PDB file of N, CA and C in Angstrom:
ATOM      1  N   MET A   1     -13.031 -56.114 -25.612  1.00  0.00           N
ATOM      2  CA  MET A   1     -12.121 -55.311 -24.838  1.00  0.00           C
ATOM      3  C   MET A   1     -12.723 -53.926 -24.659  1.00  0.00           C
ATOM      4  N   ASP A   2     -12.262 -53.212 -23.662  1.00  0.00           N
ATOM      5  CA  ASP A   2     -12.762 -51.868 -23.383  1.00  0.00           C
ATOM      6  C   ASP A   2     -11.708 -50.838 -23.743  1.00  0.00           C
ATOM      7  N   ILE A   3     -12.132 -49.812 -24.480  1.00  0.00           N
ATOM      8  CA  ILE A   3     -11.266 -48.693 -24.837  1.00  0.00           C
ATOM      9  C   ILE A   3     -12.023 -47.401 -24.564  1.00  0.00           C
ATOM     10  N   VAL A   4     -11.303 -46.290 -24.606  1.00  0.00           N
ATOM     11  CA  VAL A   4     -11.919 -44.974 -24.453  1.00  0.00           C
ATOM     12  C   VAL A   4     -11.727 -44.232 -25.769  1.00  0.00           C
ATOM     13  N   VAL A   5     -12.839 -43.797 -26.368  1.00  0.00           N
ATOM     14  CA  VAL A   5     -12.800 -43.073 -27.637  1.00  0.00           C
ATOM     15  C   VAL A   5     -13.417 -41.700 -27.416  1.00  0.00           C
ATOM     16  N   ASN A   6     -12.618 -40.669 -27.643  1.00  0.00           N
ATOM     17  CA  ASN A   6     -13.061 -39.283 -27.460  1.00  0.00           C
ATOM     18  C   ASN A   6     -13.720 -39.083 -26.094  1.00  0.00           C
ATOM     19  N   GLY A   7     -13.125 -39.696 -25.076  1.00  0.00           N
ATOM     20  CA  GLY A   7     -13.589 -39.507 -23.710  1.00  0.00           C
ATOM     21  C   GLY A   7     -14.698 -40.430 -23.250  1.00  0.00           C
ATOM     22  N   SER A   8     -15.219 -41.278 -24.140  1.00  0.00           N
ATOM     23  CA  SER A   8     -16.310 -42.190 -23.784  1.00  0.00           C
ATOM     24  C   SER A   8     -15.819 -43.634 -23.807  1.00  0.00           C
ATOM     25  N   GLN A   9     -16.077 -44.352 -22.727  1.00  0.00           N
ATOM     26  CA  GLN A   9     -15.677 -45.756 -22.672  1.00  0.00           C
ATOM     27  C   GLN A   9     -16.638 -46.597 -23.495  1.00  0.00           C
ATOM     28  N   GLU A  10     -16.067 -47.545 -24.254  1.00  0.00           N
ATOM     29  CA  GLU A  10     -16.890 -48.447 -25.052  1.00  0.00           C
ATOM     30  C   GLU A  10     -16.185 -49.778 -25.226  1.00  0.00           C
ATOM     31  N   SER A  11     -16.959 -50.775 -25.555  1.00  0.00           N
ATOM     32  CA  SER A  11     -16.421 -52.109 -25.820  1.00  0.00           C
ATOM     33  C   SER A  11     -16.314 -52.310 -27.323  1.00  0.00           C
ATOM     34  N   CYS A  12     -15.272 -53.006 -27.727  1.00  0.00           N
ATOM     35  CA  CYS A  12     -15.107 -53.316 -29.146  1.00  0.00           C
ATOM     36  C   CYS A  12     -14.318 -54.608 -29.284  1.00  0.00           C
ATOM     37  N   ALA A  13     -14.393 -55.192 -30.462  1.00  0.00           N
ATOM     38  CA  ALA A  13     -13.613 -56.391 -30.757  1.00  0.00           C
ATOM     39  C   ALA A  13     -12.158 -55.991 -30.983  1.00  0.00           C
ATOM     40  N   PRO A  14     -11.224 -56.871 -30.678  1.00  0.00           N
ATOM     41  CA  PRO A  14      -9.821 -56.568 -30.973  1.00  0.00           C
ATOM     42  C   PRO A  14      -9.643 -56.300 -32.463  1.00  0.00           C
ATOM     43  N   GLY A  15      -8.776 -55.372 -32.784  1.00  0.00           N
ATOM     44  CA  GLY A  15      -8.520 -55.038 -34.178  1.00  0.00           C
ATOM     45  C   GLY A  15      -7.537 -53.898 -34.280  1.00  0.00           C
ATOM     46  N   SER A  16      -7.400 -53.388 -35.477  1.00  0.00           N
ATOM     47  CA  SER A  16      -6.454 -52.304 -35.735  1.00  0.00           C
ATOM     48  C   SER A  16      -7.169 -50.954 -35.708  1.00  0.00           C
ATOM     49  N   VAL A  17      -6.366 -49.914 -35.683  1.00  0.00           N
ATOM     50  CA  VAL A  17      -6.906 -48.559 -35.770  1.00  0.00           C
ATOM     51  C   VAL A  17      -7.674 -48.407 -37.081  1.00  0.00           C
ATOM     52  N   ALA A  18      -7.131 -48.930 -38.177  1.00  0.00           N
ATOM     53  CA  ALA A  18      -7.795 -48.832 -39.485  1.00  0.00           C
ATOM     54  C   ALA A  18      -9.168 -49.493 -39.462  1.00  0.00           C
ATOM     55  N   GLU A  19      -9.282 -50.635 -38.803  1.00  0.00           N
ATOM     56  CA  GLU A  19     -10.567 -51.333 -38.727  1.00  0.00           C
ATOM     57  C   GLU A  19     -11.583 -50.528 -37.926  1.00  0.00           C
ATOM     58  N   LEU A  20     -11.139 -49.893 -36.856  1.00  0.00           N
ATOM     59  CA  LEU A  20     -12.042 -49.072 -36.048  1.00  0.00           C
ATOM     60  C   LEU A  20     -12.530 -47.864 -36.846  1.00  0.00           C
ATOM     61  N   VAL A  21     -11.615 -47.202 -37.548  1.00  0.00           N
ATOM     62  CA  VAL A  21     -11.982 -46.040 -38.364  1.00  0.00           C
ATOM     63  C   VAL A  21     -12.978 -46.457 -39.450  1.00  0.00           C
ATOM     64  N   ALA A  22     -12.716 -47.570 -40.126  1.00  0.00           N
ATOM     65  CA  ALA A  22     -13.610 -48.046 -41.188  1.00  0.00           C
ATOM     66  C   ALA A  22     -14.984 -48.416 -40.632  1.00  0.00           C
ATOM     67  N   ALA A  23     -15.009 -49.066 -39.480  1.00  0.00           N
ATOM     68  CA  ALA A  23     -16.281 -49.475 -38.881  1.00  0.00           C
ATOM     69  C   ALA A  23     -17.149 -48.276 -38.519  1.00  0.00           C
ATOM     70  N   ARG A  24     -16.515 -47.153 -38.225  1.00  0.00           N
ATOM     71  CA  ARG A  24     -17.255 -45.940 -37.885  1.00  0.00           C
ATOM     72  C   ARG A  24     -17.629 -45.129 -39.118  1.00  0.00           C
ATOM     73  N   GLY A  25     -17.128 -45.521 -40.286  1.00  0.00           N
ATOM     74  CA  GLY A  25     -17.447 -44.809 -41.518  1.00  0.00           C
ATOM     75  C   GLY A  25     -16.835 -43.421 -41.588  1.00  0.00           C
ATOM     76  N   LEU A  26     -15.697 -43.247 -40.923  1.00  0.00           N
ATOM     77  CA  LEU A  26     -15.055 -41.929 -40.906  1.00  0.00           C
ATOM     78  C   LEU A  26     -14.165 -41.752 -42.132  1.00  0.00           C
ATOM     79  N   PRO A  27     -14.115 -40.539 -42.686  1.00  0.00           N
ATOM     80  CA  PRO A  27     -13.267 -40.291 -43.858  1.00  0.00           C
ATOM     81  C   PRO A  27     -11.799 -40.166 -43.441  1.00  0.00           C
ATOM     82  N   PRO A  28     -10.961 -41.120 -43.785  1.00  0.00           N
ATOM     83  CA  PRO A  28      -9.576 -41.101 -43.316  1.00  0.00           C
ATOM     84  C   PRO A  28      -8.770 -39.899 -43.793  1.00  0.00           C
ATOM     85  N   GLU A  29      -9.144 -39.330 -44.926  1.00  0.00           N
ATOM     86  CA  GLU A  29      -8.374 -38.196 -45.453  1.00  0.00           C
ATOM     87  C   GLU A  29      -8.531 -36.935 -44.611  1.00  0.00           C
ATOM     88  N   ALA A  30      -9.531 -36.883 -43.749  1.00  0.00           N
ATOM     89  CA  ALA A  30      -9.765 -35.702 -42.910  1.00  0.00           C
ATOM     90  C   ALA A  30      -9.711 -36.059 -41.425  1.00  0.00           C
ATOM     91  N   LEU A  31      -8.926 -37.095 -41.084  1.00  0.00           N
ATOM     92  CA  LEU A  31      -8.932 -37.606 -39.719  1.00  0.00           C
ATOM     93  C   LEU A  31      -7.516 -37.710 -39.167  1.00  0.00           C
ATOM     94  N   VAL A  32      -7.368 -37.318 -37.908  1.00  0.00           N
ATOM     95  CA  VAL A  32      -6.127 -37.523 -37.167  1.00  0.00           C
ATOM     96  C   VAL A  32      -6.461 -38.443 -36.002  1.00  0.00           C
ATOM     97  N   VAL A  33      -5.610 -39.443 -35.777  1.00  0.00           N
ATOM     98  CA  VAL A  33      -5.823 -40.395 -34.689  1.00  0.00           C
ATOM     99  C   VAL A  33      -4.707 -40.239 -33.662  1.00  0.00           C
ATOM    100  N   GLU A  34      -5.121 -40.045 -32.423  1.00  0.00           N
ATOM    101  CA  GLU A  34      -4.183 -40.013 -31.300  1.00  0.00           C
ATOM    102  C   GLU A  34      -4.462 -41.241 -30.442  1.00  0.00           C
ATOM    103  N   LEU A  35      -3.446 -42.029 -30.180  1.00  0.00           N
ATOM    104  CA  LEU A  35      -3.578 -43.244 -29.375  1.00  0.00           C
ATOM    105  C   LEU A  35      -2.671 -43.127 -28.163  1.00  0.00           C
ATOM    106  N   ASN A  36      -3.274 -43.107 -26.992  1.00  0.00           N
ATOM    107  CA  ASN A  36      -2.530 -43.004 -25.734  1.00  0.00           C
ATOM    108  C   ASN A  36      -1.558 -41.822 -25.743  1.00  0.00           C
ATOM    109  N   GLY A  37      -2.027 -40.694 -26.277  1.00  0.00           N
ATOM    110  CA  GLY A  37      -1.242 -39.463 -26.269  1.00  0.00           C
ATOM    111  C   GLY A  37      -0.258 -39.311 -27.410  1.00  0.00           C
ATOM    112  N   LYS A  38      -0.236 -40.255 -28.349  1.00  0.00           N
ATOM    113  CA  LYS A  38       0.701 -40.199 -29.469  1.00  0.00           C
ATOM    114  C   LYS A  38      -0.061 -40.211 -30.789  1.00  0.00           C
ATOM    115  N   ILE A  39       0.292 -39.300 -31.694  1.00  0.00           N
ATOM    116  CA  ILE A  39      -0.328 -39.253 -33.019  1.00  0.00           C
ATOM    117  C   ILE A  39       0.133 -40.468 -33.823  1.00  0.00           C
ATOM    118  N   ILE A  40      -0.826 -41.150 -34.430  1.00  0.00           N
ATOM    119  CA  ILE A  40      -0.530 -42.314 -35.271  1.00  0.00           C
ATOM    120  C   ILE A  40      -0.690 -41.896 -36.729  1.00  0.00           C
ATOM    121  N   ARG A  41       0.371 -42.043 -37.503  1.00  0.00           N
ATOM    122  CA  ARG A  41       0.318 -41.677 -38.918  1.00  0.00           C
ATOM    123  C   ARG A  41      -0.617 -42.622 -39.660  1.00  0.00           C
ATOM    124  N   GLN A  42      -1.330 -42.077 -40.628  1.00  0.00           N
ATOM    125  CA  GLN A  42      -2.352 -42.848 -41.346  1.00  0.00           C
ATOM    126  C   GLN A  42      -1.782 -44.121 -41.971  1.00  0.00           C
ATOM    127  N   GLU A  43      -0.579 -44.077 -42.484  1.00  0.00           N
ATOM    128  CA  GLU A  43      -0.006 -45.274 -43.109  1.00  0.00           C
ATOM    129  C   GLU A  43       0.315 -46.375 -42.090  1.00  0.00           C
ATOM    130  N   GLN A  44       0.236 -46.062 -40.800  1.00  0.00           N
ATOM    131  CA  GLN A  44       0.482 -47.053 -39.746  1.00  0.00           C
ATOM    132  C   GLN A  44      -0.813 -47.626 -39.158  1.00  0.00           C
ATOM    133  N   TRP A  45      -1.952 -47.069 -39.512  1.00  0.00           N
ATOM    134  CA  TRP A  45      -3.216 -47.471 -38.891  1.00  0.00           C
ATOM    135  C   TRP A  45      -3.464 -48.972 -38.972  1.00  0.00           C
ATOM    136  N   SER A  46      -3.177 -49.586 -40.097  1.00  0.00           N
ATOM    137  CA  SER A  46      -3.475 -51.016 -40.254  1.00  0.00           C
ATOM    138  C   SER A  46      -2.520 -51.892 -39.449  1.00  0.00           C
ATOM    139  N   GLN A  47      -1.382 -51.348 -39.051  1.00  0.00           N
ATOM    140  CA  GLN A  47      -0.386 -52.113 -38.298  1.00  0.00           C
ATOM    141  C   GLN A  47      -0.525 -51.943 -36.789  1.00  0.00           C
ATOM    142  N   VAL A  48      -1.206 -50.888 -36.358  1.00  0.00           N
ATOM    143  CA  VAL A  48      -1.328 -50.600 -34.930  1.00  0.00           C
ATOM    144  C   VAL A  48      -2.575 -51.293 -34.385  1.00  0.00           C
ATOM    145  N   ARG A  49      -2.350 -52.237 -33.479  1.00  0.00           N
ATOM    146  CA  ARG A  49      -3.440 -52.997 -32.866  1.00  0.00           C
ATOM    147  C   ARG A  49      -3.906 -52.289 -31.600  1.00  0.00           C
ATOM    148  N   LEU A  50      -5.203 -52.275 -31.404  1.00  0.00           N
ATOM    149  CA  LEU A  50      -5.770 -51.690 -30.196  1.00  0.00           C
ATOM    150  C   LEU A  50      -5.711 -52.707 -29.065  1.00  0.00           C
ATOM    151  N   GLY A  51      -5.517 -52.201 -27.848  1.00  0.00           N
ATOM    152  CA  GLY A  51      -5.461 -53.067 -26.683  1.00  0.00           C
ATOM    153  C   GLY A  51      -6.438 -52.607 -25.621  1.00  0.00           C
ATOM    154  N   ASP A  52      -6.755 -53.501 -24.713  1.00  0.00           N
ATOM    155  CA  ASP A  52      -7.672 -53.196 -23.623  1.00  0.00           C
ATOM    156  C   ASP A  52      -7.148 -51.992 -22.838  1.00  0.00           C
ATOM    157  N   GLY A  53      -8.008 -51.009 -22.622  1.00  0.00           N
ATOM    158  CA  GLY A  53      -7.650 -49.820 -21.865  1.00  0.00           C
ATOM    159  C   GLY A  53      -7.044 -48.692 -22.686  1.00  0.00           C
ATOM    160  N   ASP A  54      -6.867 -48.899 -23.990  1.00  0.00           N
ATOM    161  CA  ASP A  54      -6.317 -47.833 -24.837  1.00  0.00           C
ATOM    162  C   ASP A  54      -7.247 -46.629 -24.841  1.00  0.00           C
ATOM    163  N   ARG A  55      -6.631 -45.457 -25.048  1.00  0.00           N
ATOM    164  CA  ARG A  55      -7.379 -44.202 -25.129  1.00  0.00           C
ATOM    165  C   ARG A  55      -7.150 -43.603 -26.514  1.00  0.00           C
ATOM    166  N   LEU A  56      -8.236 -43.417 -27.262  1.00  0.00           N
ATOM    167  CA  LEU A  56      -8.172 -42.857 -28.610  1.00  0.00           C
ATOM    168  C   LEU A  56      -8.861 -41.513 -28.660  1.00  0.00           C
ATOM    169  N   GLU A  57      -8.286 -40.622 -29.433  1.00  0.00           N
ATOM    170  CA  GLU A  57      -8.949 -39.377 -29.811  1.00  0.00           C
ATOM    171  C   GLU A  57      -9.007 -39.391 -31.329  1.00  0.00           C
ATOM    172  N   LEU A  58     -10.203 -39.269 -31.878  1.00  0.00           N
ATOM    173  CA  LEU A  58     -10.413 -39.208 -33.321  1.00  0.00           C
ATOM    174  C   LEU A  58     -10.803 -37.779 -33.653  1.00  0.00           C
ATOM    175  N   LEU A  59      -9.918 -37.081 -34.346  1.00  0.00           N
ATOM    176  CA  LEU A  59     -10.112 -35.663 -34.632  1.00  0.00           C
ATOM    177  C   LEU A  59     -10.376 -35.464 -36.111  1.00  0.00           C
ATOM    178  N   SER A  60     -11.535 -34.902 -36.430  1.00  0.00           N
ATOM    179  CA  SER A  60     -11.908 -34.626 -37.819  1.00  0.00           C
ATOM    180  C   SER A  60     -11.710 -33.149 -38.112  1.00  0.00           C
ATOM    181  N   PHE A  61     -11.202 -32.873 -39.288  1.00  0.00           N
ATOM    182  CA  PHE A  61     -11.021 -31.499 -39.725  1.00  0.00           C
ATOM    183  C   PHE A  61     -12.056 -31.174 -40.788  1.00  0.00           C
ATOM    184  N   VAL A  62     -12.713 -30.044 -40.616  1.00  0.00           N
ATOM    185  CA  VAL A  62     -13.717 -29.600 -41.571  1.00  0.00           C
ATOM    186  C   VAL A  62     -13.407 -28.170 -41.982  1.00  0.00           C
ATOM    187  N   GLY A  63     -13.740 -27.847 -43.203  1.00  0.00           N
ATOM    188  CA  GLY A  63     -13.556 -26.491 -43.689  1.00  0.00           C
ATOM    189  C   GLY A  63     -14.777 -25.642 -43.402  1.00  0.00           C
ATOM    190  N   GLY A  64     -14.579 -24.399 -43.442  1.00  0.00           N
ATOM    191  CA  GLY A  64     -15.698 -23.493 -43.204  1.00  0.00           C
ATOM    192  C   GLY A  64     -15.207 -22.060 -43.217  1.00  0.00           C
ATOM    193  N   GLY A  65     -16.114 -21.184 -42.955  1.00  0.00           N
ATOM    194  CA  GLY A  65     -15.709 -19.785 -43.000  1.00  0.00           C
ATOM    195  C   GLY A  65     -16.413 -18.958 -41.988  1.00  0.00           C
TER     196      GLY A  65
END
């Protein structure tokens, strides 16, 4: 299926938000996921299935000074 992640179109296998985050090796404790304009709470990631044409924004927070 085709989805858009952070503005870039890509193909991926059907799965959940949690599976996509894990496959990318992203640290979930510092990540916010927006799916089709709606923030998805981390405890819902494994229940939310991605669909063809979905738009994801994966936002990482980093500390600094």
